Protein backbone atom coordinates (compact mmCIF):
# COMPACT_ATOMS: atom_id res chain seq x y z
CA MET A 1 -24.84 21.56 -5.52
CA LEU A 2 -22.53 24.45 -6.43
CA LEU A 3 -20.07 23.29 -3.77
CA VAL A 4 -20.17 19.77 -5.23
CA LEU A 5 -19.49 21.08 -8.73
CA TYR A 6 -16.60 23.17 -7.39
CA PHE A 7 -14.93 20.10 -5.89
CA LEU A 8 -15.65 18.05 -9.01
CA ARG A 9 -13.83 20.62 -11.12
CA HIS A 10 -10.62 19.90 -9.21
CA SER A 11 -11.35 16.16 -9.15
CA ILE A 12 -11.64 15.99 -12.94
CA ALA A 13 -8.42 17.98 -13.32
CA ASP A 14 -6.61 15.55 -10.99
CA TRP A 15 -7.96 12.53 -12.87
CA LEU A 16 -6.92 13.89 -16.28
CA LEU A 17 -3.42 14.65 -15.00
CA LEU A 18 -3.02 11.22 -13.44
CA LEU A 19 -4.47 9.36 -16.43
CA ARG A 20 -1.58 10.73 -18.46
CA GLU A 21 0.79 9.03 -16.01
CA TRP A 22 -1.33 5.87 -15.51
CA HIS A 23 1.51 3.59 -16.60
CA THR A 24 3.78 4.90 -13.84
CA ASP A 25 1.37 4.19 -10.99
CA SER A 26 3.37 2.11 -8.49
CA LEU A 27 0.34 0.02 -7.44
CA PHE A 28 0.54 -1.91 -10.71
CA GLU A 29 4.23 -2.78 -10.27
CA PRO A 30 5.27 -5.92 -8.33
CA ILE A 31 7.00 -3.95 -5.56
CA GLY A 32 4.13 -1.48 -5.31
CA LEU A 33 1.57 -4.31 -5.18
CA THR A 34 3.52 -6.07 -2.42
CA THR A 35 3.72 -2.84 -0.40
CA PHE A 36 0.00 -2.27 -0.91
CA ILE A 37 -0.90 -5.77 0.37
CA ILE A 38 1.32 -5.29 3.44
CA SER A 39 -0.29 -1.90 4.08
CA VAL A 40 -3.83 -3.33 3.92
CA ALA A 41 -3.04 -6.42 6.02
CA GLY A 42 -1.22 -4.33 8.61
CA THR A 43 -4.03 -1.84 9.28
CA PRO A 44 -7.28 -3.87 9.66
CA LEU A 45 -8.76 -1.89 12.56
CA ALA A 46 -8.05 1.49 11.00
CA ARG A 47 -9.62 0.36 7.74
CA ALA A 48 -12.65 -1.03 9.57
CA ILE A 49 -13.18 2.42 11.09
CA LEU A 50 -12.71 3.98 7.66
CA PHE A 51 -15.27 1.57 6.21
CA GLY A 52 -17.77 2.57 8.90
CA ALA A 53 -17.15 6.25 8.23
CA PHE A 54 -17.70 5.83 4.48
CA ALA A 55 -20.84 3.73 5.03
CA CYS A 56 -22.35 6.14 7.56
CA THR A 57 -21.61 9.12 5.32
CA LEU A 58 -23.14 7.44 2.29
CA ALA A 59 -26.23 6.37 4.27
CA THR A 60 -26.69 9.91 5.62
CA MET A 61 -26.34 11.38 2.15
CA TYR A 62 -28.83 8.90 0.67
CA VAL A 63 -31.44 9.42 3.40
CA GLY A 64 -31.07 13.19 3.27
CA LEU A 65 -31.37 13.37 -0.50
CA ARG A 66 -34.35 11.00 -0.78
CA LEU A 67 -36.61 14.04 -0.39
CA LEU A 68 -35.66 14.82 -3.98
CA SER A 69 -36.96 12.87 -6.96
CA GLN A 70 -35.40 9.46 -7.60
CA ARG A 71 -33.26 10.76 -10.45
CA TRP A 72 -32.11 13.84 -8.51
CA CYS A 73 -31.38 11.71 -5.46
CA TYR A 74 -29.25 9.37 -7.56
CA TRP A 75 -27.21 12.01 -9.37
CA SER A 76 -26.81 14.23 -6.28
CA THR A 77 -25.62 11.31 -4.13
CA LEU A 78 -23.21 10.17 -6.85
CA ALA A 79 -21.77 13.66 -7.44
CA THR A 80 -21.38 14.41 -3.73
CA PHE A 81 -19.73 11.05 -3.06
CA ALA A 82 -17.37 11.49 -6.04
CA ALA A 83 -16.28 14.90 -4.78
CA MET A 84 -15.87 13.65 -1.20
CA ALA A 85 -13.95 10.51 -2.22
CA THR A 86 -11.58 12.43 -4.47
CA LEU A 87 -10.93 15.00 -1.77
CA ILE A 88 -10.21 12.27 0.82
CA PHE A 89 -7.92 10.33 -1.52
CA HIS A 90 -6.07 13.51 -2.46
CA SER A 91 -5.65 14.63 1.17
CA THR A 92 -4.30 11.18 2.19
CA GLU A 93 -1.73 11.25 -0.63
CA THR A 94 -3.52 8.42 -2.47
CA SER A 95 -3.95 8.62 -6.23
CA PRO A 96 -7.49 9.93 -6.95
CA LEU A 97 -7.57 7.40 -9.80
CA LEU A 98 -8.05 4.70 -7.18
CA ALA A 99 -11.34 6.32 -6.16
CA ILE A 100 -12.85 5.65 -9.58
CA PRO A 101 -13.78 1.95 -8.97
CA GLY A 102 -15.69 2.86 -5.81
CA ILE A 103 -17.54 5.66 -7.57
CA VAL A 104 -18.47 3.32 -10.43
CA LEU A 105 -19.68 0.70 -7.91
CA LEU A 106 -21.93 3.29 -6.30
CA ALA A 107 -23.21 4.43 -9.69
CA THR A 108 -24.17 0.93 -10.84
CA ASN A 109 -25.60 -0.37 -7.55
CA LEU A 110 -27.65 2.75 -6.82
CA MET A 111 -28.87 3.13 -10.40
CA PRO A 112 -32.67 3.64 -10.62
CA ASP A 113 -34.59 0.81 -12.27
CA ASP A 114 -35.82 2.99 -15.15
CA LEU A 115 -32.25 3.96 -16.03
CA PHE A 116 -31.13 0.35 -15.74
CA ASP A 117 -33.97 -0.72 -18.05
CA ARG A 118 -32.86 1.85 -20.62
CA LEU A 119 -29.32 0.43 -20.59
CA PHE A 120 -30.54 -3.17 -20.82
CA ARG A 121 -33.68 -2.86 -22.94
CA ARG A 122 -33.71 -6.52 -23.94
CA PRO A 123 -34.44 -8.96 -21.07
CA ARG A 124 -32.29 -11.63 -22.72
CA LEU A 125 -29.29 -9.27 -22.84
CA ARG A 126 -29.78 -8.46 -19.16
CA THR A 127 -30.02 -12.13 -18.18
CA THR A 128 -26.98 -13.06 -20.28
CA PHE A 129 -24.86 -10.31 -18.75
CA VAL A 130 -25.78 -11.22 -15.17
CA ALA A 131 -25.16 -14.93 -15.83
CA VAL A 132 -21.92 -14.60 -17.80
CA ALA A 133 -20.18 -11.67 -16.06
CA VAL A 134 -18.99 -13.77 -13.12
CA GLY A 135 -17.36 -11.63 -10.44
CA ILE A 136 -18.59 -8.44 -12.11
CA ALA A 137 -22.36 -8.71 -11.90
CA GLU A 138 -22.19 -9.57 -8.19
CA LEU A 139 -20.26 -6.39 -7.40
CA PHE A 140 -21.57 -3.87 -9.90
CA LEU A 141 -25.22 -5.01 -10.10
CA PHE A 142 -25.71 -6.75 -6.78
CA ARG A 143 -29.46 -6.38 -6.35
CA HIS A 144 -30.16 -7.35 -9.98
CA TYR A 145 -27.90 -10.36 -9.59
CA ALA A 146 -29.66 -11.34 -6.34
CA ALA A 147 -33.07 -10.91 -8.02
CA TRP A 148 -31.90 -13.13 -10.89
CA ILE A 149 -30.89 -15.84 -8.38
CA VAL A 150 -34.30 -15.62 -6.68
CA ARG A 151 -36.07 -15.92 -10.05
CA LEU A 152 -34.03 -19.00 -10.91
CA TRP A 153 -34.80 -20.54 -7.52
CA THR A 154 -38.54 -19.83 -7.43
CA GLY A 155 -39.34 -19.69 -11.13
CA ARG A 156 -41.31 -16.49 -10.58
CA PRO A 157 -40.64 -12.86 -11.56
CA PHE A 158 -38.93 -10.96 -8.75
CA ALA A 159 -37.50 -7.48 -8.17
CA PHE A 160 -36.35 -5.63 -5.05
CA SER A 161 -38.68 -2.76 -4.24
CA ASN A 162 -37.70 -2.06 -0.64
CA GLY A 163 -35.57 1.09 -0.32
CA LEU A 164 -33.23 -0.53 2.21
CA ALA A 165 -32.60 -3.53 -0.08
CA ILE A 166 -31.69 -1.13 -2.88
CA ALA A 167 -29.51 1.17 -0.80
CA LEU A 168 -27.66 -1.36 1.36
CA PRO A 169 -25.40 -2.93 -1.29
CA ALA A 170 -24.88 0.51 -2.86
CA ILE A 171 -23.59 1.73 0.52
CA LEU A 172 -21.59 -1.27 1.74
CA ILE A 173 -19.79 -2.40 -1.43
CA PRO A 174 -18.24 0.97 -2.44
CA SER A 175 -17.40 1.74 1.21
CA ALA A 176 -15.54 -1.57 1.56
CA LEU A 177 -13.54 -0.97 -1.62
CA MET A 178 -12.72 2.63 -0.70
CA SER A 179 -11.47 1.62 2.75
CA VAL A 180 -9.13 -0.93 1.16
CA LEU A 181 -7.72 1.24 -1.64
CA ILE A 182 -6.64 4.22 0.46
CA GLU A 183 -2.87 4.17 0.96
CA SER A 184 -1.71 6.43 3.75
CA HIS A 185 0.76 6.52 6.61
CA TYR A 186 -2.03 8.12 8.65
CA LEU A 187 -3.76 4.73 8.80
CA ALA A 188 -0.63 3.16 10.27
CA ARG A 189 -0.62 5.79 13.02
CA VAL A 190 -4.28 5.14 13.79
CA GLU A 191 -3.57 1.39 13.93
CA GLN A 192 -0.64 2.02 16.27
CA ALA A 193 -2.80 4.12 18.58
CA LEU A 194 -5.45 1.38 18.68
CA ARG A 195 -3.10 -1.56 19.21
CA MET A 196 -0.06 -0.22 21.07
CA PRO A 197 0.00 -1.07 24.81
CA SER A 198 0.53 1.72 27.30
CA SER A 199 3.94 0.30 28.23
CA ALA A 200 5.27 0.85 24.69
CA ARG A 201 6.56 4.18 23.41
CA ILE A 202 7.58 5.63 20.06
CA VAL A 203 11.16 6.88 20.13
CA ASP A 204 11.44 7.96 16.49
CA ARG A 205 9.60 7.80 13.20
CA GLY A 206 10.99 7.12 9.75
CA ASP A 207 11.43 4.59 6.99
CA PHE A 208 13.34 2.09 9.12
CA ASN A 209 14.04 -1.46 8.04
CA TRP A 210 16.86 -3.50 9.60
CA VAL A 211 17.27 -3.03 13.38
CA GLU A 212 19.91 -4.61 15.63
CA LEU A 213 21.34 -4.08 19.14
CA ASP A 214 25.10 -4.01 19.68
CA ALA A 215 26.88 -6.54 21.92
CA THR A 216 26.65 -4.28 24.99
CA LYS A 217 22.92 -3.63 24.40
CA LYS A 218 23.66 0.07 24.84
CA HIS A 219 23.27 1.08 21.21
CA LEU A 220 20.71 0.34 18.51
CA PHE A 221 21.71 0.21 14.84
CA VAL A 222 19.03 1.08 12.28
CA ALA A 223 18.98 1.07 8.48
CA ASP A 224 17.30 4.40 7.68
CA ARG A 225 15.85 4.34 4.16
CA ARG A 226 14.61 7.91 4.53
CA LEU A 227 18.10 9.46 4.93
CA GLY A 228 19.96 6.65 3.19
CA SER A 229 22.39 5.83 6.00
CA ILE A 230 22.96 3.66 9.07
CA LEU A 231 21.99 5.27 12.39
CA ARG A 232 23.20 4.41 15.89
CA TYR A 233 20.90 5.33 18.79
CA ASP A 234 21.80 5.58 22.46
CA VAL A 235 19.32 3.17 24.10
CA ALA A 236 19.60 4.99 27.44
CA ASP A 237 18.62 8.33 25.90
CA PHE A 238 16.73 8.24 22.59
CA SER A 239 16.33 12.03 22.73
CA ARG A 240 19.99 12.41 21.72
CA ASP A 241 20.67 12.76 18.01
CA PRO A 242 21.84 9.41 16.61
CA LEU A 243 25.20 8.93 14.95
CA SER A 244 24.94 8.68 11.17
CA SER A 245 27.11 6.80 8.71
CA VAL A 246 28.21 7.68 5.21
CA HIS A 247 25.57 7.47 2.47
CA THR A 248 24.48 3.86 1.89
CA ALA A 249 22.16 4.45 -1.10
CA TRP A 250 19.10 3.61 1.01
CA ALA A 251 20.22 0.05 1.75
CA GLN A 252 17.51 -1.84 3.60
CA SER A 253 19.82 -4.11 5.61
CA PHE A 254 23.30 -4.52 7.08
CA ALA A 255 25.32 -7.13 8.97
CA TYR A 256 26.81 -6.58 12.42
CA ASP A 257 29.97 -8.38 13.57
CA PRO A 258 30.32 -7.82 17.35
CA THR A 259 33.70 -9.59 17.51
CA ALA A 260 35.36 -7.24 15.03
CA ALA A 261 33.12 -4.26 15.93
CA ARG A 262 32.19 -3.85 12.29
CA LEU A 263 29.05 -3.16 10.23
CA TYR A 264 28.78 -4.31 6.64
CA VAL A 265 26.38 -2.66 4.19
CA TYR A 266 26.19 -2.76 0.40
CA ASN A 267 25.92 0.51 -1.56
CA HIS A 268 24.23 -0.35 -4.85
CA GLU A 269 25.06 3.06 -6.39
CA SER A 270 28.83 2.79 -5.92
CA ARG A 271 28.69 -1.02 -6.19
CA GLN A 272 30.77 -1.36 -3.04
CA LEU A 273 30.53 -3.29 0.21
CA LEU A 274 31.09 -0.69 2.93
CA VAL A 275 32.87 -1.71 6.15
CA LEU A 276 31.99 0.62 9.06
CA ASP A 277 33.37 0.91 12.59
CA SER A 278 30.37 0.02 14.80
CA ASN A 279 31.61 2.35 17.57
CA THR A 280 31.90 5.49 15.43
CA LEU A 281 30.18 4.52 12.12
CA GLU A 282 33.30 5.74 10.31
CA LEU A 283 34.05 4.14 6.95
CA LYS A 284 37.06 1.81 7.33
CA ARG A 285 37.24 0.29 3.86
CA SER A 286 35.27 -0.34 0.69
CA ILE A 287 35.24 -3.61 -1.24
CA PRO A 288 34.14 -3.30 -4.89
CA ILE A 289 31.54 -5.83 -6.05
CA THR A 290 30.62 -4.48 -9.45
CA ASP A 291 28.84 -7.60 -10.73
CA LEU A 292 26.28 -8.01 -7.91
CA SER A 293 22.69 -8.10 -9.18
CA ILE A 294 20.52 -5.07 -8.39
CA GLY A 295 18.20 -5.70 -5.44
CA ASP A 296 17.99 -5.68 -1.64
CA THR A 297 20.88 -7.59 -0.11
CA TRP A 298 21.47 -10.08 2.69
CA ILE A 299 24.99 -10.07 4.24
CA ALA A 300 26.55 -12.58 6.63
CA PRO A 301 30.18 -12.47 7.90
CA ASP A 302 31.78 -15.68 9.20
CA ARG A 303 34.83 -15.25 11.44
CA LYS A 304 35.59 -18.99 11.51
CA THR A 305 36.24 -19.07 7.78
CA ASN A 306 37.19 -15.37 7.55
CA THR A 307 34.61 -14.92 4.78
CA ILE A 308 31.57 -12.80 4.12
CA THR A 309 28.57 -13.87 2.04
CA ILE A 310 26.40 -11.37 0.20
CA ALA A 311 23.22 -12.29 -1.68
CA SER A 312 20.92 -10.05 -3.70
CA GLU A 313 17.16 -10.41 -4.22
CA ALA A 314 18.00 -9.78 -7.89
CA ASP A 315 15.09 -7.53 -8.82
CA THR A 316 16.57 -7.40 -12.30
CA LYS A 317 17.98 -10.52 -13.95
CA ASP A 318 21.47 -9.18 -14.55
CA GLY A 319 24.80 -9.67 -12.84
CA VAL A 320 25.59 -12.24 -10.16
CA PRO A 321 23.15 -12.65 -7.23
CA PHE A 322 25.48 -14.50 -4.79
CA PHE A 323 29.10 -13.90 -3.73
CA VAL A 324 31.48 -15.29 -1.10
CA LEU A 325 34.42 -12.96 -0.35
CA ASP A 326 37.62 -13.19 1.67
CA LEU A 327 37.18 -10.76 4.59
CA SER A 328 40.86 -9.83 4.74
CA THR A 329 41.57 -9.20 1.08
CA GLY A 330 38.08 -8.75 -0.44
CA ALA A 331 38.92 -11.37 -3.06
CA GLN A 332 35.99 -13.24 -4.60
CA LEU A 333 36.15 -16.88 -3.50
CA ASP A 334 32.90 -18.15 -5.00
CA HIS A 335 29.73 -17.00 -6.76
CA THR A 336 26.64 -18.34 -8.47
CA TYR A 337 24.56 -17.10 -11.40
CA THR A 338 21.27 -18.63 -10.20
CA LEU A 339 19.40 -18.68 -6.90
């Protein structure tokens, strides 16, 4: 118990610090939410293993602590799980705030009947809450909701008394939520290890986005959002350090023109379209496009018309999201204010 309280002391400190910055949590921003959904959908096997680990740990804790009184079993299981969850979230670089819903789910689903009766002293209030709180009662008060359904179906009083029926939803529901909410690159590595065939190999790790082979298939161009530049790897020997371009302000994409041996990438900080030599990654020229909307860009050169098209995702509704430029002079030939 002393060890649990020790961990809780740090957990509470983390929560108070993060509550002060709640409004800056990236999960509640559109980009952060999109990244979170991709992360969850891309690591199903790793999260299934995590779910099993949480469920087994909770079941072991519950069975081991049942030797205590019902109240002590409840509070000890809840405190131990809260400390463990916060420690795991903190160690996986996930905001400990995201552990709170799972802890609350455990607290409400594992709640002893006498404590539940004290919170809902009036039967009508209890029935109204279970009936009206759609989507909440099923998760937070699963066994009481299920008992209410049985009473409606049979017309007789009913309550779950079996220990397994009480513990099962309290174990499975929080474990499922916890396994979904953890955000960590460690899960991606576990997923890779589980899915990757033996014939595949990892040649480098980083925040890579756009990837393209050159015309000779001897070099691989990569948009590196970790270093904020374009990298060129030697396909025959990935152990060699890649060539690196000038700073690109963490651009997520580029365009490759094999005919002219050029790479085109937009630097949103300098508001310039950078033209790089694909053989050396040296900067050949810069074309100012100061009115382009802020956002990730898509670039397409066209040698037949000697033009280059650049479009922005326009994360912010300012500027111009679409331009057509003359490749030789950089002059703006056309643009649009809506996409």
